[in-house]
Amino acid sequence: MDAPFGSWGTQTFIAGLSSDAMIAPWVIKGAMDGAAFAAYVEKVLLPELAPGTVVILDNLAPHKNAEAEKEMRKAGCWFLFRCSGKTPHQGLF
């Protein structure tokens, strides 16, 4: 089977989920890595958050990024890593 338009590519979609809306959507070409996640936090996510906001992250390796952690702390946000579970959303809802 041929790929549409002649090639395949990977895109990654990331966004925040607040109590009443999806915030800070972002799409990148390729897979998420630590540098891309740090850029997302600094340039896209943090401008949408107020100091004191709690950010819950899953245990994806790029989320455990020192630069992203530094930026979240500097913005006055709390961040927590969710407990490991069988499904990505288990324990959140």
C-alpha atoms as a PDB file:
ATOM      1  CA  MET A   1       0.000   0.000   0.000  1.00  0.00           C
ATOM      2  CA  ASP A   2       1.390   3.393  -0.952  1.00  0.00           C
ATOM      3  CA  ALA A   3       1.492   6.320   1.457  1.00  0.00           C
ATOM      4  CA  PRO A   4      -0.790   9.266   0.713  1.00  0.00           C
ATOM      5  CA  PHE A   5       1.068  11.932  -1.265  1.00  0.00           C
ATOM      6  CA  GLY A   6       4.110   9.651  -1.493  1.00  0.00           C
ATOM      7  CA  SER A   7       5.538   9.723   2.058  1.00  0.00           C
ATOM      8  CA  TRP A   8       4.833   9.022   5.707  1.00  0.00           C
ATOM      9  CA  GLY A   9       5.779  11.309   8.556  1.00  0.00           C
ATOM     10  CA  THR A  10       5.327  11.527  12.278  1.00  0.00           C
ATOM     11  CA  GLN A  11       3.709  14.454  14.026  1.00  0.00           C
ATOM     12  CA  THR A  12       3.264  14.938  17.759  1.00  0.00           C
ATOM     13  CA  PHE A  13       0.329  16.807  19.293  1.00  0.00           C
ATOM     14  CA  ILE A  14       0.569  18.110  22.854  1.00  0.00           C
ATOM     15  CA  ALA A  15      -1.847  20.246  24.858  1.00  0.00           C
ATOM     16  CA  GLY A  16      -2.864  21.073  28.400  1.00  0.00           C
ATOM     17  CA  LEU A  17      -6.185  20.051  29.882  1.00  0.00           C
ATOM     18  CA  SER A  18      -7.684  22.385  32.474  1.00  0.00           C
ATOM     19  CA  SER A  19     -10.865  21.857  34.447  1.00  0.00           C
ATOM     20  CA  ASP A  20     -12.915  23.496  31.697  1.00  0.00           C
ATOM     21  CA  ALA A  21     -10.913  23.611  28.464  1.00  0.00           C
ATOM     22  CA  MET A  22      -8.037  22.331  26.405  1.00  0.00           C
ATOM     23  CA  ILE A  23      -5.220  24.890  26.461  1.00  0.00           C
ATOM     24  CA  ALA A  24      -1.899  25.486  24.741  1.00  0.00           C
ATOM     25  CA  PRO A  25      -2.230  23.082  21.788  1.00  0.00           C
ATOM     26  CA  TRP A  26       0.962  22.534  19.805  1.00  0.00           C
ATOM     27  CA  VAL A  27       1.981  20.247  16.930  1.00  0.00           C
ATOM     28  CA  ILE A  28       5.547  19.405  15.982  1.00  0.00           C
ATOM     29  CA  LYS A  29       6.984  17.399  13.126  1.00  0.00           C
ATOM     30  CA  GLY A  30       8.544  14.242  14.519  1.00  0.00           C
ATOM     31  CA  ALA A  31       8.602  12.700  17.974  1.00  0.00           C
ATOM     32  CA  MET A  32       8.663  14.631  21.244  1.00  0.00           C
ATOM     33  CA  ASP A  33      12.074  14.916  22.876  1.00  0.00           C
ATOM     34  CA  GLY A  34      13.393  16.842  25.860  1.00  0.00           C
ATOM     35  CA  ALA A  35      14.368  19.945  23.900  1.00  0.00           C
ATOM     36  CA  ALA A  36      10.983  20.140  22.166  1.00  0.00           C
ATOM     37  CA  PHE A  37       9.156  19.679  25.471  1.00  0.00           C
ATOM     38  CA  ALA A  38      11.219  22.430  27.143  1.00  0.00           C
ATOM     39  CA  ALA A  39      10.393  24.769  24.231  1.00  0.00           C
ATOM     40  CA  TYR A  40       6.682  23.883  24.524  1.00  0.00           C
ATOM     41  CA  VAL A  41       6.651  24.599  28.263  1.00  0.00           C
ATOM     42  CA  GLU A  42       8.458  27.929  27.933  1.00  0.00           C
ATOM     43  CA  LYS A  43       6.858  29.319  24.760  1.00  0.00           C
ATOM     44  CA  VAL A  44       3.361  27.766  24.656  1.00  0.00           C
ATOM     45  CA  LEU A  45       2.198  26.330  28.000  1.00  0.00           C
ATOM     46  CA  LEU A  46       3.484  28.779  30.624  1.00  0.00           C
ATOM     47  CA  PRO A  47       2.005  31.909  29.006  1.00  0.00           C
ATOM     48  CA  GLU A  48      -1.417  30.241  29.495  1.00  0.00           C
ATOM     49  CA  LEU A  49      -0.918  29.429  33.194  1.00  0.00           C
ATOM     50  CA  ALA A  50      -1.221  31.517  36.338  1.00  0.00           C
ATOM     51  CA  PRO A  51       1.327  31.232  39.166  1.00  0.00           C
ATOM     52  CA  GLY A  52       0.289  28.451  41.526  1.00  0.00           C
ATOM     53  CA  THR A  53      -1.169  26.282  38.763  1.00  0.00           C
ATOM     54  CA  VAL A  54      -0.600  22.553  39.277  1.00  0.00           C
ATOM     55  CA  VAL A  55       0.692  20.775  36.163  1.00  0.00           C
ATOM     56  CA  ILE A  56       0.300  16.982  36.133  1.00  0.00           C
ATOM     57  CA  LEU A  57       2.649  15.122  33.793  1.00  0.00           C
ATOM     58  CA  ASP A  58       2.816  11.498  32.812  1.00  0.00           C
ATOM     59  CA  ASN A  59       6.094   9.622  33.063  1.00  0.00           C
ATOM     60  CA  LEU A  60       7.215  10.105  29.456  1.00  0.00           C
ATOM     61  CA  ALA A  61      11.004  10.589  29.444  1.00  0.00           C
ATOM     62  CA  PRO A  62      10.923  14.017  27.695  1.00  0.00           C
ATOM     63  CA  HIS A  63       8.676  15.330  30.487  1.00  0.00           C
ATOM     64  CA  LYS A  64      11.501  14.731  32.966  1.00  0.00           C
ATOM     65  CA  ASN A  65      13.466  17.647  31.543  1.00  0.00           C
ATOM     66  CA  ALA A  66      15.573  19.899  33.785  1.00  0.00           C
ATOM     67  CA  GLU A  67      15.029  23.012  31.634  1.00  0.00           C
ATOM     68  CA  ALA A  68      11.244  22.535  31.612  1.00  0.00           C
ATOM     69  CA  GLU A  69      11.308  21.984  35.386  1.00  0.00           C
ATOM     70  CA  LYS A  70      13.323  25.168  35.873  1.00  0.00           C
ATOM     71  CA  GLU A  71      10.897  27.216  33.747  1.00  0.00           C
ATOM     72  CA  MET A  72       7.836  25.859  35.577  1.00  0.00           C
ATOM     73  CA  ARG A  73       9.372  26.649  38.960  1.00  0.00           C
ATOM     74  CA  LYS A  74      10.378  30.133  37.777  1.00  0.00           C
ATOM     75  CA  ALA A  75       6.760  30.759  36.684  1.00  0.00           C
ATOM     76  CA  GLY A  76       5.500  29.707  40.122  1.00  0.00           C
ATOM     77  CA  CYS A  77       3.788  26.535  38.909  1.00  0.00           C
ATOM     78  CA  TRP A  78       3.680  23.256  40.783  1.00  0.00           C
ATOM     79  CA  PHE A  79       4.245  20.063  38.848  1.00  0.00           C
ATOM     80  CA  LEU A  80       3.611  16.461  39.706  1.00  0.00           C
ATOM     81  CA  PHE A  81       4.272  13.220  37.895  1.00  0.00           C
ATOM     82  CA  ARG A  82       1.274  10.918  37.872  1.00  0.00           C
ATOM     83  CA  CYS A  83       1.577   7.392  39.229  1.00  0.00           C
ATOM     84  CA  SER A  84       2.362   4.670  36.742  1.00  0.00           C
ATOM     85  CA  GLY A  85      -0.683   2.787  35.553  1.00  0.00           C
ATOM     86  CA  LYS A  86      -1.872   0.448  32.850  1.00  0.00           C
ATOM     87  CA  THR A  87      -3.340   3.163  30.638  1.00  0.00           C
ATOM     88  CA  PRO A  88      -2.161   6.719  29.946  1.00  0.00           C
ATOM     89  CA  HIS A  89      -5.195   8.310  31.624  1.00  0.00           C
ATOM     90  CA  GLN A  90      -5.653   5.910  34.521  1.00  0.00           C
ATOM     91  CA  GLY A  91      -5.671   7.831  37.785  1.00  0.00           C
ATOM     92  CA  LEU A  92      -6.390  11.204  36.205  1.00  0.00           C
ATOM     93  CA  PHE A  93     -10.164  10.858  35.905  1.00  0.00           C
END
